[in-house]
Amino acid sequence: MRSLAFFLIALNLFLLAYGQGFFGIAPSELGRSPSPKPFFNHANIHIGTPQS
């Protein structure tokens, strides 16, 4: 019974490490590509009166 509990804890820790990306790219990040623009693109912000 102790060996089963130890095995389940070890499996749980392995799956946690795999999901966090300790063995390479995390599964949640697969297929994502970086944005071509910077995250904060201040050139597109226009302050003034709204046009209707």
N, C-alpha and C. Protein backbone atom coordinates (compact mmCIF):
# COMPACT_ATOMS: atom_id res chain seq x y z
N MET A 1 0.82 -1.19 0.00
CA MET A 1 0.00 0.00 0.00
C MET A 1 0.87 1.26 0.00
N ARG A 2 1.97 1.21 0.74
CA ARG A 2 2.86 2.38 0.76
C ARG A 2 3.51 2.60 -0.61
N SER A 3 3.83 1.50 -1.27
CA SER A 3 4.45 1.66 -2.59
C SER A 3 3.46 2.27 -3.59
N LEU A 4 2.19 1.93 -3.48
CA LEU A 4 1.18 2.51 -4.36
C LEU A 4 1.05 4.01 -4.09
N ALA A 5 1.03 4.40 -2.83
CA ALA A 5 0.93 5.82 -2.48
C ALA A 5 2.17 6.57 -2.99
N PHE A 6 3.35 5.98 -2.82
CA PHE A 6 4.58 6.61 -3.31
C PHE A 6 4.54 6.76 -4.83
N PHE A 7 4.06 5.73 -5.53
CA PHE A 7 3.97 5.78 -6.98
C PHE A 7 3.00 6.88 -7.43
N LEU A 8 1.85 7.01 -6.76
CA LEU A 8 0.89 8.04 -7.13
C LEU A 8 1.44 9.44 -6.88
N ILE A 9 2.16 9.63 -5.80
CA ILE A 9 2.76 10.93 -5.52
C ILE A 9 3.84 11.26 -6.55
N ALA A 10 4.67 10.27 -6.89
CA ALA A 10 5.72 10.49 -7.89
C ALA A 10 5.11 10.80 -9.25
N LEU A 11 4.04 10.09 -9.62
CA LEU A 11 3.38 10.35 -10.89
C LEU A 11 2.77 11.75 -10.90
N ASN A 12 2.17 12.14 -9.80
CA ASN A 12 1.59 13.47 -9.69
C ASN A 12 2.66 14.56 -9.84
N LEU A 13 3.81 14.38 -9.20
CA LEU A 13 4.89 15.36 -9.31
C LEU A 13 5.45 15.41 -10.73
N PHE A 14 5.55 14.26 -11.40
CA PHE A 14 6.04 14.24 -12.78
C PHE A 14 5.07 14.98 -13.70
N LEU A 15 3.77 14.75 -13.55
CA LEU A 15 2.80 15.43 -14.39
C LEU A 15 2.77 16.92 -14.12
N LEU A 16 2.97 17.33 -12.87
CA LEU A 16 3.06 18.75 -12.55
C LEU A 16 4.27 19.39 -13.23
N ALA A 17 5.42 18.72 -13.15
CA ALA A 17 6.63 19.25 -13.78
C ALA A 17 6.48 19.31 -15.30
N TYR A 18 5.85 18.29 -15.89
CA TYR A 18 5.63 18.28 -17.34
C TYR A 18 4.72 19.43 -17.76
N GLY A 19 3.66 19.66 -17.01
CA GLY A 19 2.71 20.73 -17.35
C GLY A 19 3.29 22.11 -17.19
N GLN A 20 4.29 22.26 -16.31
CA GLN A 20 4.92 23.56 -16.11
C GLN A 20 6.03 23.82 -17.11
N GLY A 21 6.44 22.83 -17.88
CA GLY A 21 7.45 23.02 -18.91
C GLY A 21 8.87 22.76 -18.45
N PHE A 22 9.07 21.94 -17.41
CA PHE A 22 10.43 21.65 -16.95
C PHE A 22 11.19 20.74 -17.91
N PHE A 23 10.51 20.03 -18.79
CA PHE A 23 11.16 19.11 -19.72
C PHE A 23 11.15 19.65 -21.14
N GLY A 24 10.91 20.93 -21.32
CA GLY A 24 10.84 21.53 -22.64
C GLY A 24 9.71 22.54 -22.67
N ILE A 25 9.10 22.70 -23.81
CA ILE A 25 8.00 23.66 -23.96
C ILE A 25 6.76 23.10 -23.26
N ALA A 26 6.11 23.94 -22.50
CA ALA A 26 4.88 23.52 -21.81
C ALA A 26 3.79 23.23 -22.84
N PRO A 27 2.93 22.25 -22.59
CA PRO A 27 1.87 21.92 -23.56
C PRO A 27 0.96 23.10 -23.86
N SER A 28 0.77 24.00 -22.92
CA SER A 28 -0.11 25.15 -23.16
C SER A 28 0.53 26.17 -24.10
N GLU A 29 1.84 26.10 -24.30
CA GLU A 29 2.54 27.05 -25.15
C GLU A 29 2.80 26.51 -26.56
N LEU A 30 2.48 25.26 -26.81
CA LEU A 30 2.75 24.67 -28.13
C LEU A 30 1.87 25.34 -29.19
N GLY A 31 2.46 25.67 -30.32
CA GLY A 31 1.71 26.24 -31.42
C GLY A 31 1.58 27.74 -31.37
N ARG A 32 2.04 28.36 -30.32
CA ARG A 32 1.95 29.82 -30.24
C ARG A 32 3.13 30.46 -30.95
N SER A 33 2.88 31.55 -31.63
CA SER A 33 3.96 32.28 -32.28
C SER A 33 3.98 33.69 -31.70
N PRO A 34 5.14 34.28 -31.59
CA PRO A 34 5.20 35.63 -31.04
C PRO A 34 4.51 36.64 -31.95
N SER A 35 3.98 37.67 -31.34
CA SER A 35 3.29 38.72 -32.09
C SER A 35 4.29 39.51 -32.92
N PRO A 36 3.94 39.89 -34.15
CA PRO A 36 4.88 40.67 -34.96
C PRO A 36 5.07 42.09 -34.42
N LYS A 37 4.08 42.63 -33.72
CA LYS A 37 4.21 43.96 -33.14
C LYS A 37 4.59 43.86 -31.67
N PRO A 38 5.19 44.90 -31.15
CA PRO A 38 5.42 44.89 -29.70
C PRO A 38 4.09 44.91 -28.95
N PHE A 39 4.11 44.48 -27.70
CA PHE A 39 2.87 44.40 -26.93
C PHE A 39 2.27 45.78 -26.73
N PHE A 40 3.09 46.75 -26.41
CA PHE A 40 2.61 48.12 -26.24
C PHE A 40 3.00 48.91 -27.47
N ASN A 41 2.06 49.18 -28.34
CA ASN A 41 2.32 49.91 -29.55
C ASN A 41 1.77 51.33 -29.37
N HIS A 42 2.60 52.22 -28.86
CA HIS A 42 2.15 53.57 -28.55
C HIS A 42 1.95 54.42 -29.80
N ALA A 43 2.42 53.97 -30.94
CA ALA A 43 2.26 54.76 -32.16
C ALA A 43 0.80 54.82 -32.61
N ASN A 44 -0.02 53.84 -32.21
CA ASN A 44 -1.41 53.81 -32.65
C ASN A 44 -2.35 54.55 -31.72
N ILE A 45 -1.86 55.14 -30.65
CA ILE A 45 -2.72 55.84 -29.69
C ILE A 45 -2.83 57.30 -30.11
N HIS A 46 -4.07 57.77 -30.31
CA HIS A 46 -4.32 59.14 -30.69
C HIS A 46 -5.17 59.81 -29.61
N ILE A 47 -4.63 60.82 -28.96
CA ILE A 47 -5.35 61.52 -27.91
C ILE A 47 -5.95 62.79 -28.51
N GLY A 48 -7.22 63.00 -28.29
CA GLY A 48 -7.89 64.18 -28.82
C GLY A 48 -9.39 63.98 -28.79
N THR A 49 -10.08 64.82 -29.53
CA THR A 49 -11.53 64.71 -29.57
C THR A 49 -11.93 63.56 -30.50
N PRO A 50 -12.95 62.79 -30.11
CA PRO A 50 -13.38 61.68 -30.97
C PRO A 50 -14.05 62.21 -32.24
N GLN A 51 -13.84 61.53 -33.32
CA GLN A 51 -14.47 61.91 -34.58
C GLN A 51 -15.68 61.03 -34.81
N SER A 52 -16.77 61.64 -35.25
CA SER A 52 -17.97 60.83 -35.47
C SER A 52 -18.32 60.71 -36.94
